Protein backbone atom coordinates (compact mmCIF):
# COMPACT_ATOMS: atom_id res chain seq x y z
CA MET A 1 53.70 72.08 74.34
CA ALA A 2 54.43 74.77 76.94
CA VAL A 3 57.42 77.05 76.42
CA ALA A 4 60.11 77.07 79.12
CA ARG A 5 62.16 80.10 80.06
CA LEU A 6 65.59 80.52 81.53
CA GLU A 7 64.94 81.05 85.22
CA HIS A 8 68.50 81.41 86.53
CA ALA A 9 72.15 80.59 86.03
CA ASN A 10 74.27 79.61 89.04
CA ILE A 11 77.89 80.69 88.68
CA THR A 12 80.88 80.51 90.99
CA VAL A 13 82.53 83.87 91.59
CA SER A 14 85.40 84.97 93.82
CA ASP A 15 83.48 87.87 95.40
CA PRO A 16 79.67 87.69 95.22
CA ASP A 17 79.21 91.19 96.70
CA ARG A 18 81.42 92.72 94.01
CA SER A 19 79.68 90.75 91.25
CA ALA A 20 76.23 91.62 92.61
CA ALA A 21 77.08 95.34 92.58
CA LEU A 22 78.27 95.11 88.97
CA PHE A 23 75.18 93.29 87.68
CA MET A 24 72.72 95.42 89.64
CA GLN A 25 74.23 98.64 88.32
CA MET A 26 74.81 97.39 84.78
CA CYS A 27 71.44 95.66 84.30
CA GLY A 28 69.12 97.62 86.57
CA TRP A 29 68.55 94.47 88.65
CA HIS A 30 67.88 94.17 92.35
CA GLU A 31 69.00 91.76 95.04
CA ARG A 32 66.42 89.01 95.38
CA TRP A 33 68.06 86.93 98.12
CA ARG A 34 71.32 86.29 99.92
CA GLY A 35 72.42 83.71 102.41
CA PRO A 36 74.34 80.55 103.10
CA SER A 37 74.38 77.89 100.41
CA GLN A 38 72.93 74.51 101.28
CA MET A 39 76.27 72.89 100.39
CA GLY A 40 78.59 75.40 102.06
CA GLY A 41 79.69 78.83 100.98
CA ARG A 42 77.23 81.60 100.31
CA THR A 43 75.09 82.89 97.46
CA ILE A 44 73.55 86.19 96.34
CA HIS A 45 70.67 86.17 93.84
CA VAL A 46 70.47 89.31 91.65
CA GLY A 47 68.07 89.87 88.79
CA SER A 48 64.56 90.86 87.87
CA ASP A 49 61.24 89.49 89.07
CA ILE A 50 61.37 86.78 86.38
CA GLY A 51 65.02 85.67 86.24
CA TYR A 52 68.31 85.98 88.06
CA LEU A 53 71.95 85.07 88.46
CA ALA A 54 72.90 83.05 91.52
CA LEU A 55 76.38 84.29 92.47
CA TYR A 56 77.94 81.50 94.53
CA THR A 57 81.21 81.32 96.40
CA ASN A 58 82.81 78.61 98.43
CA GLU A 59 86.33 79.59 99.34
CA GLY A 60 87.26 75.91 99.76
CA ARG A 61 86.31 75.26 96.10
CA GLY A 62 86.04 71.56 96.74
CA GLY A 63 83.28 69.11 97.35
CA PRO A 64 80.53 67.93 95.06
CA PHE A 65 80.01 71.23 93.23
CA SER A 66 83.55 71.85 91.99
CA LYS A 67 82.74 70.00 88.74
CA GLY A 68 81.26 72.97 86.98
CA VAL A 69 83.40 75.88 88.13
CA PRO A 70 82.65 78.54 87.13
CA LEU A 71 79.22 77.33 85.85
CA ASN A 72 77.38 75.24 88.42
CA HIS A 73 74.06 74.70 86.65
CA VAL A 74 71.46 76.35 84.46
CA GLY A 75 67.94 76.62 85.89
CA LEU A 76 64.89 76.21 83.69
CA GLU A 77 61.35 76.90 84.89
CA VAL A 78 58.55 74.73 83.52
CA ASP A 79 54.82 74.51 84.18
CA ASP A 80 54.67 70.71 84.39
CA LEU A 81 57.63 69.10 86.18
CA ASP A 82 56.47 65.53 85.50
CA ALA A 83 56.14 66.17 81.77
CA ALA A 84 59.59 67.79 81.68
CA GLU A 85 61.11 64.82 83.49
CA ALA A 86 59.48 62.43 81.01
CA VAL A 87 61.17 64.29 78.15
CA VAL A 88 64.57 64.11 79.89
CA VAL A 89 64.16 60.36 80.38
CA ALA A 90 62.94 59.86 76.80
CA HIS A 91 66.20 61.39 75.60
CA GLY A 92 68.18 58.83 77.57
CA LEU A 93 69.25 61.16 80.37
CA THR A 94 68.94 60.47 84.09
CA PRO A 95 67.12 62.86 86.45
CA PHE A 96 68.45 63.01 90.01
CA ASN A 97 68.26 64.96 93.25
CA HIS A 98 64.50 65.45 93.24
CA ASP A 99 63.51 67.91 95.92
CA ASP A 100 60.56 69.93 97.13
CA TYR A 101 61.40 73.02 99.11
CA TYR A 102 60.23 76.61 98.99
CA PRO A 103 59.49 78.00 96.53
CA GLY A 104 59.07 74.95 94.26
CA LYS A 105 59.75 71.38 93.25
CA ARG A 106 62.82 70.49 91.22
CA PHE A 107 65.12 67.88 89.79
CA TYR A 108 68.51 67.95 88.12
CA PHE A 109 70.14 66.20 85.18
CA PHE A 110 73.40 66.25 83.25
CA ASP A 111 73.23 66.59 79.50
CA TRP A 112 75.46 64.63 77.14
CA ASP A 113 78.30 67.13 77.59
CA GLY A 114 78.24 67.09 81.38
CA ILE A 115 76.37 70.38 81.78
CA GLU A 116 74.07 70.28 84.79
CA PHE A 117 70.52 71.61 84.52
CA GLU A 118 68.04 72.25 87.32
CA VAL A 119 64.41 72.00 86.24
CA VAL A 120 62.02 73.75 88.62
CA SER A 121 58.28 74.27 88.80
CA TYR A 122 56.51 76.75 91.03
CA SER A 123 53.07 75.39 90.09
CA SER A 124 51.16 73.62 92.83
């Protein structure tokens, strides 16, 4: 069985620029990306070449992603997305929001405690 690694954590912060500066200085990270979030608000990704924090803000703090404030989801990178989804289903959990956009394919699921996970694969 392939070993997964933590790819990113998406957290809601009040000031993504301030948080990005802290993490870049404290951890020696760099800014990987910044821009508008697909669901409103904006996000800055800071980290290394293999993992990052997604620092998200939406001043309205409402809508479909208020459920996890301050933790929105944990991202896990896998080599085989179909095999990972089969494991999720075998454990009685329900994958949702399948999507394929740059840079990879992904799906989401909630665990038994309501924590949301994004499972992503960058393999072709």
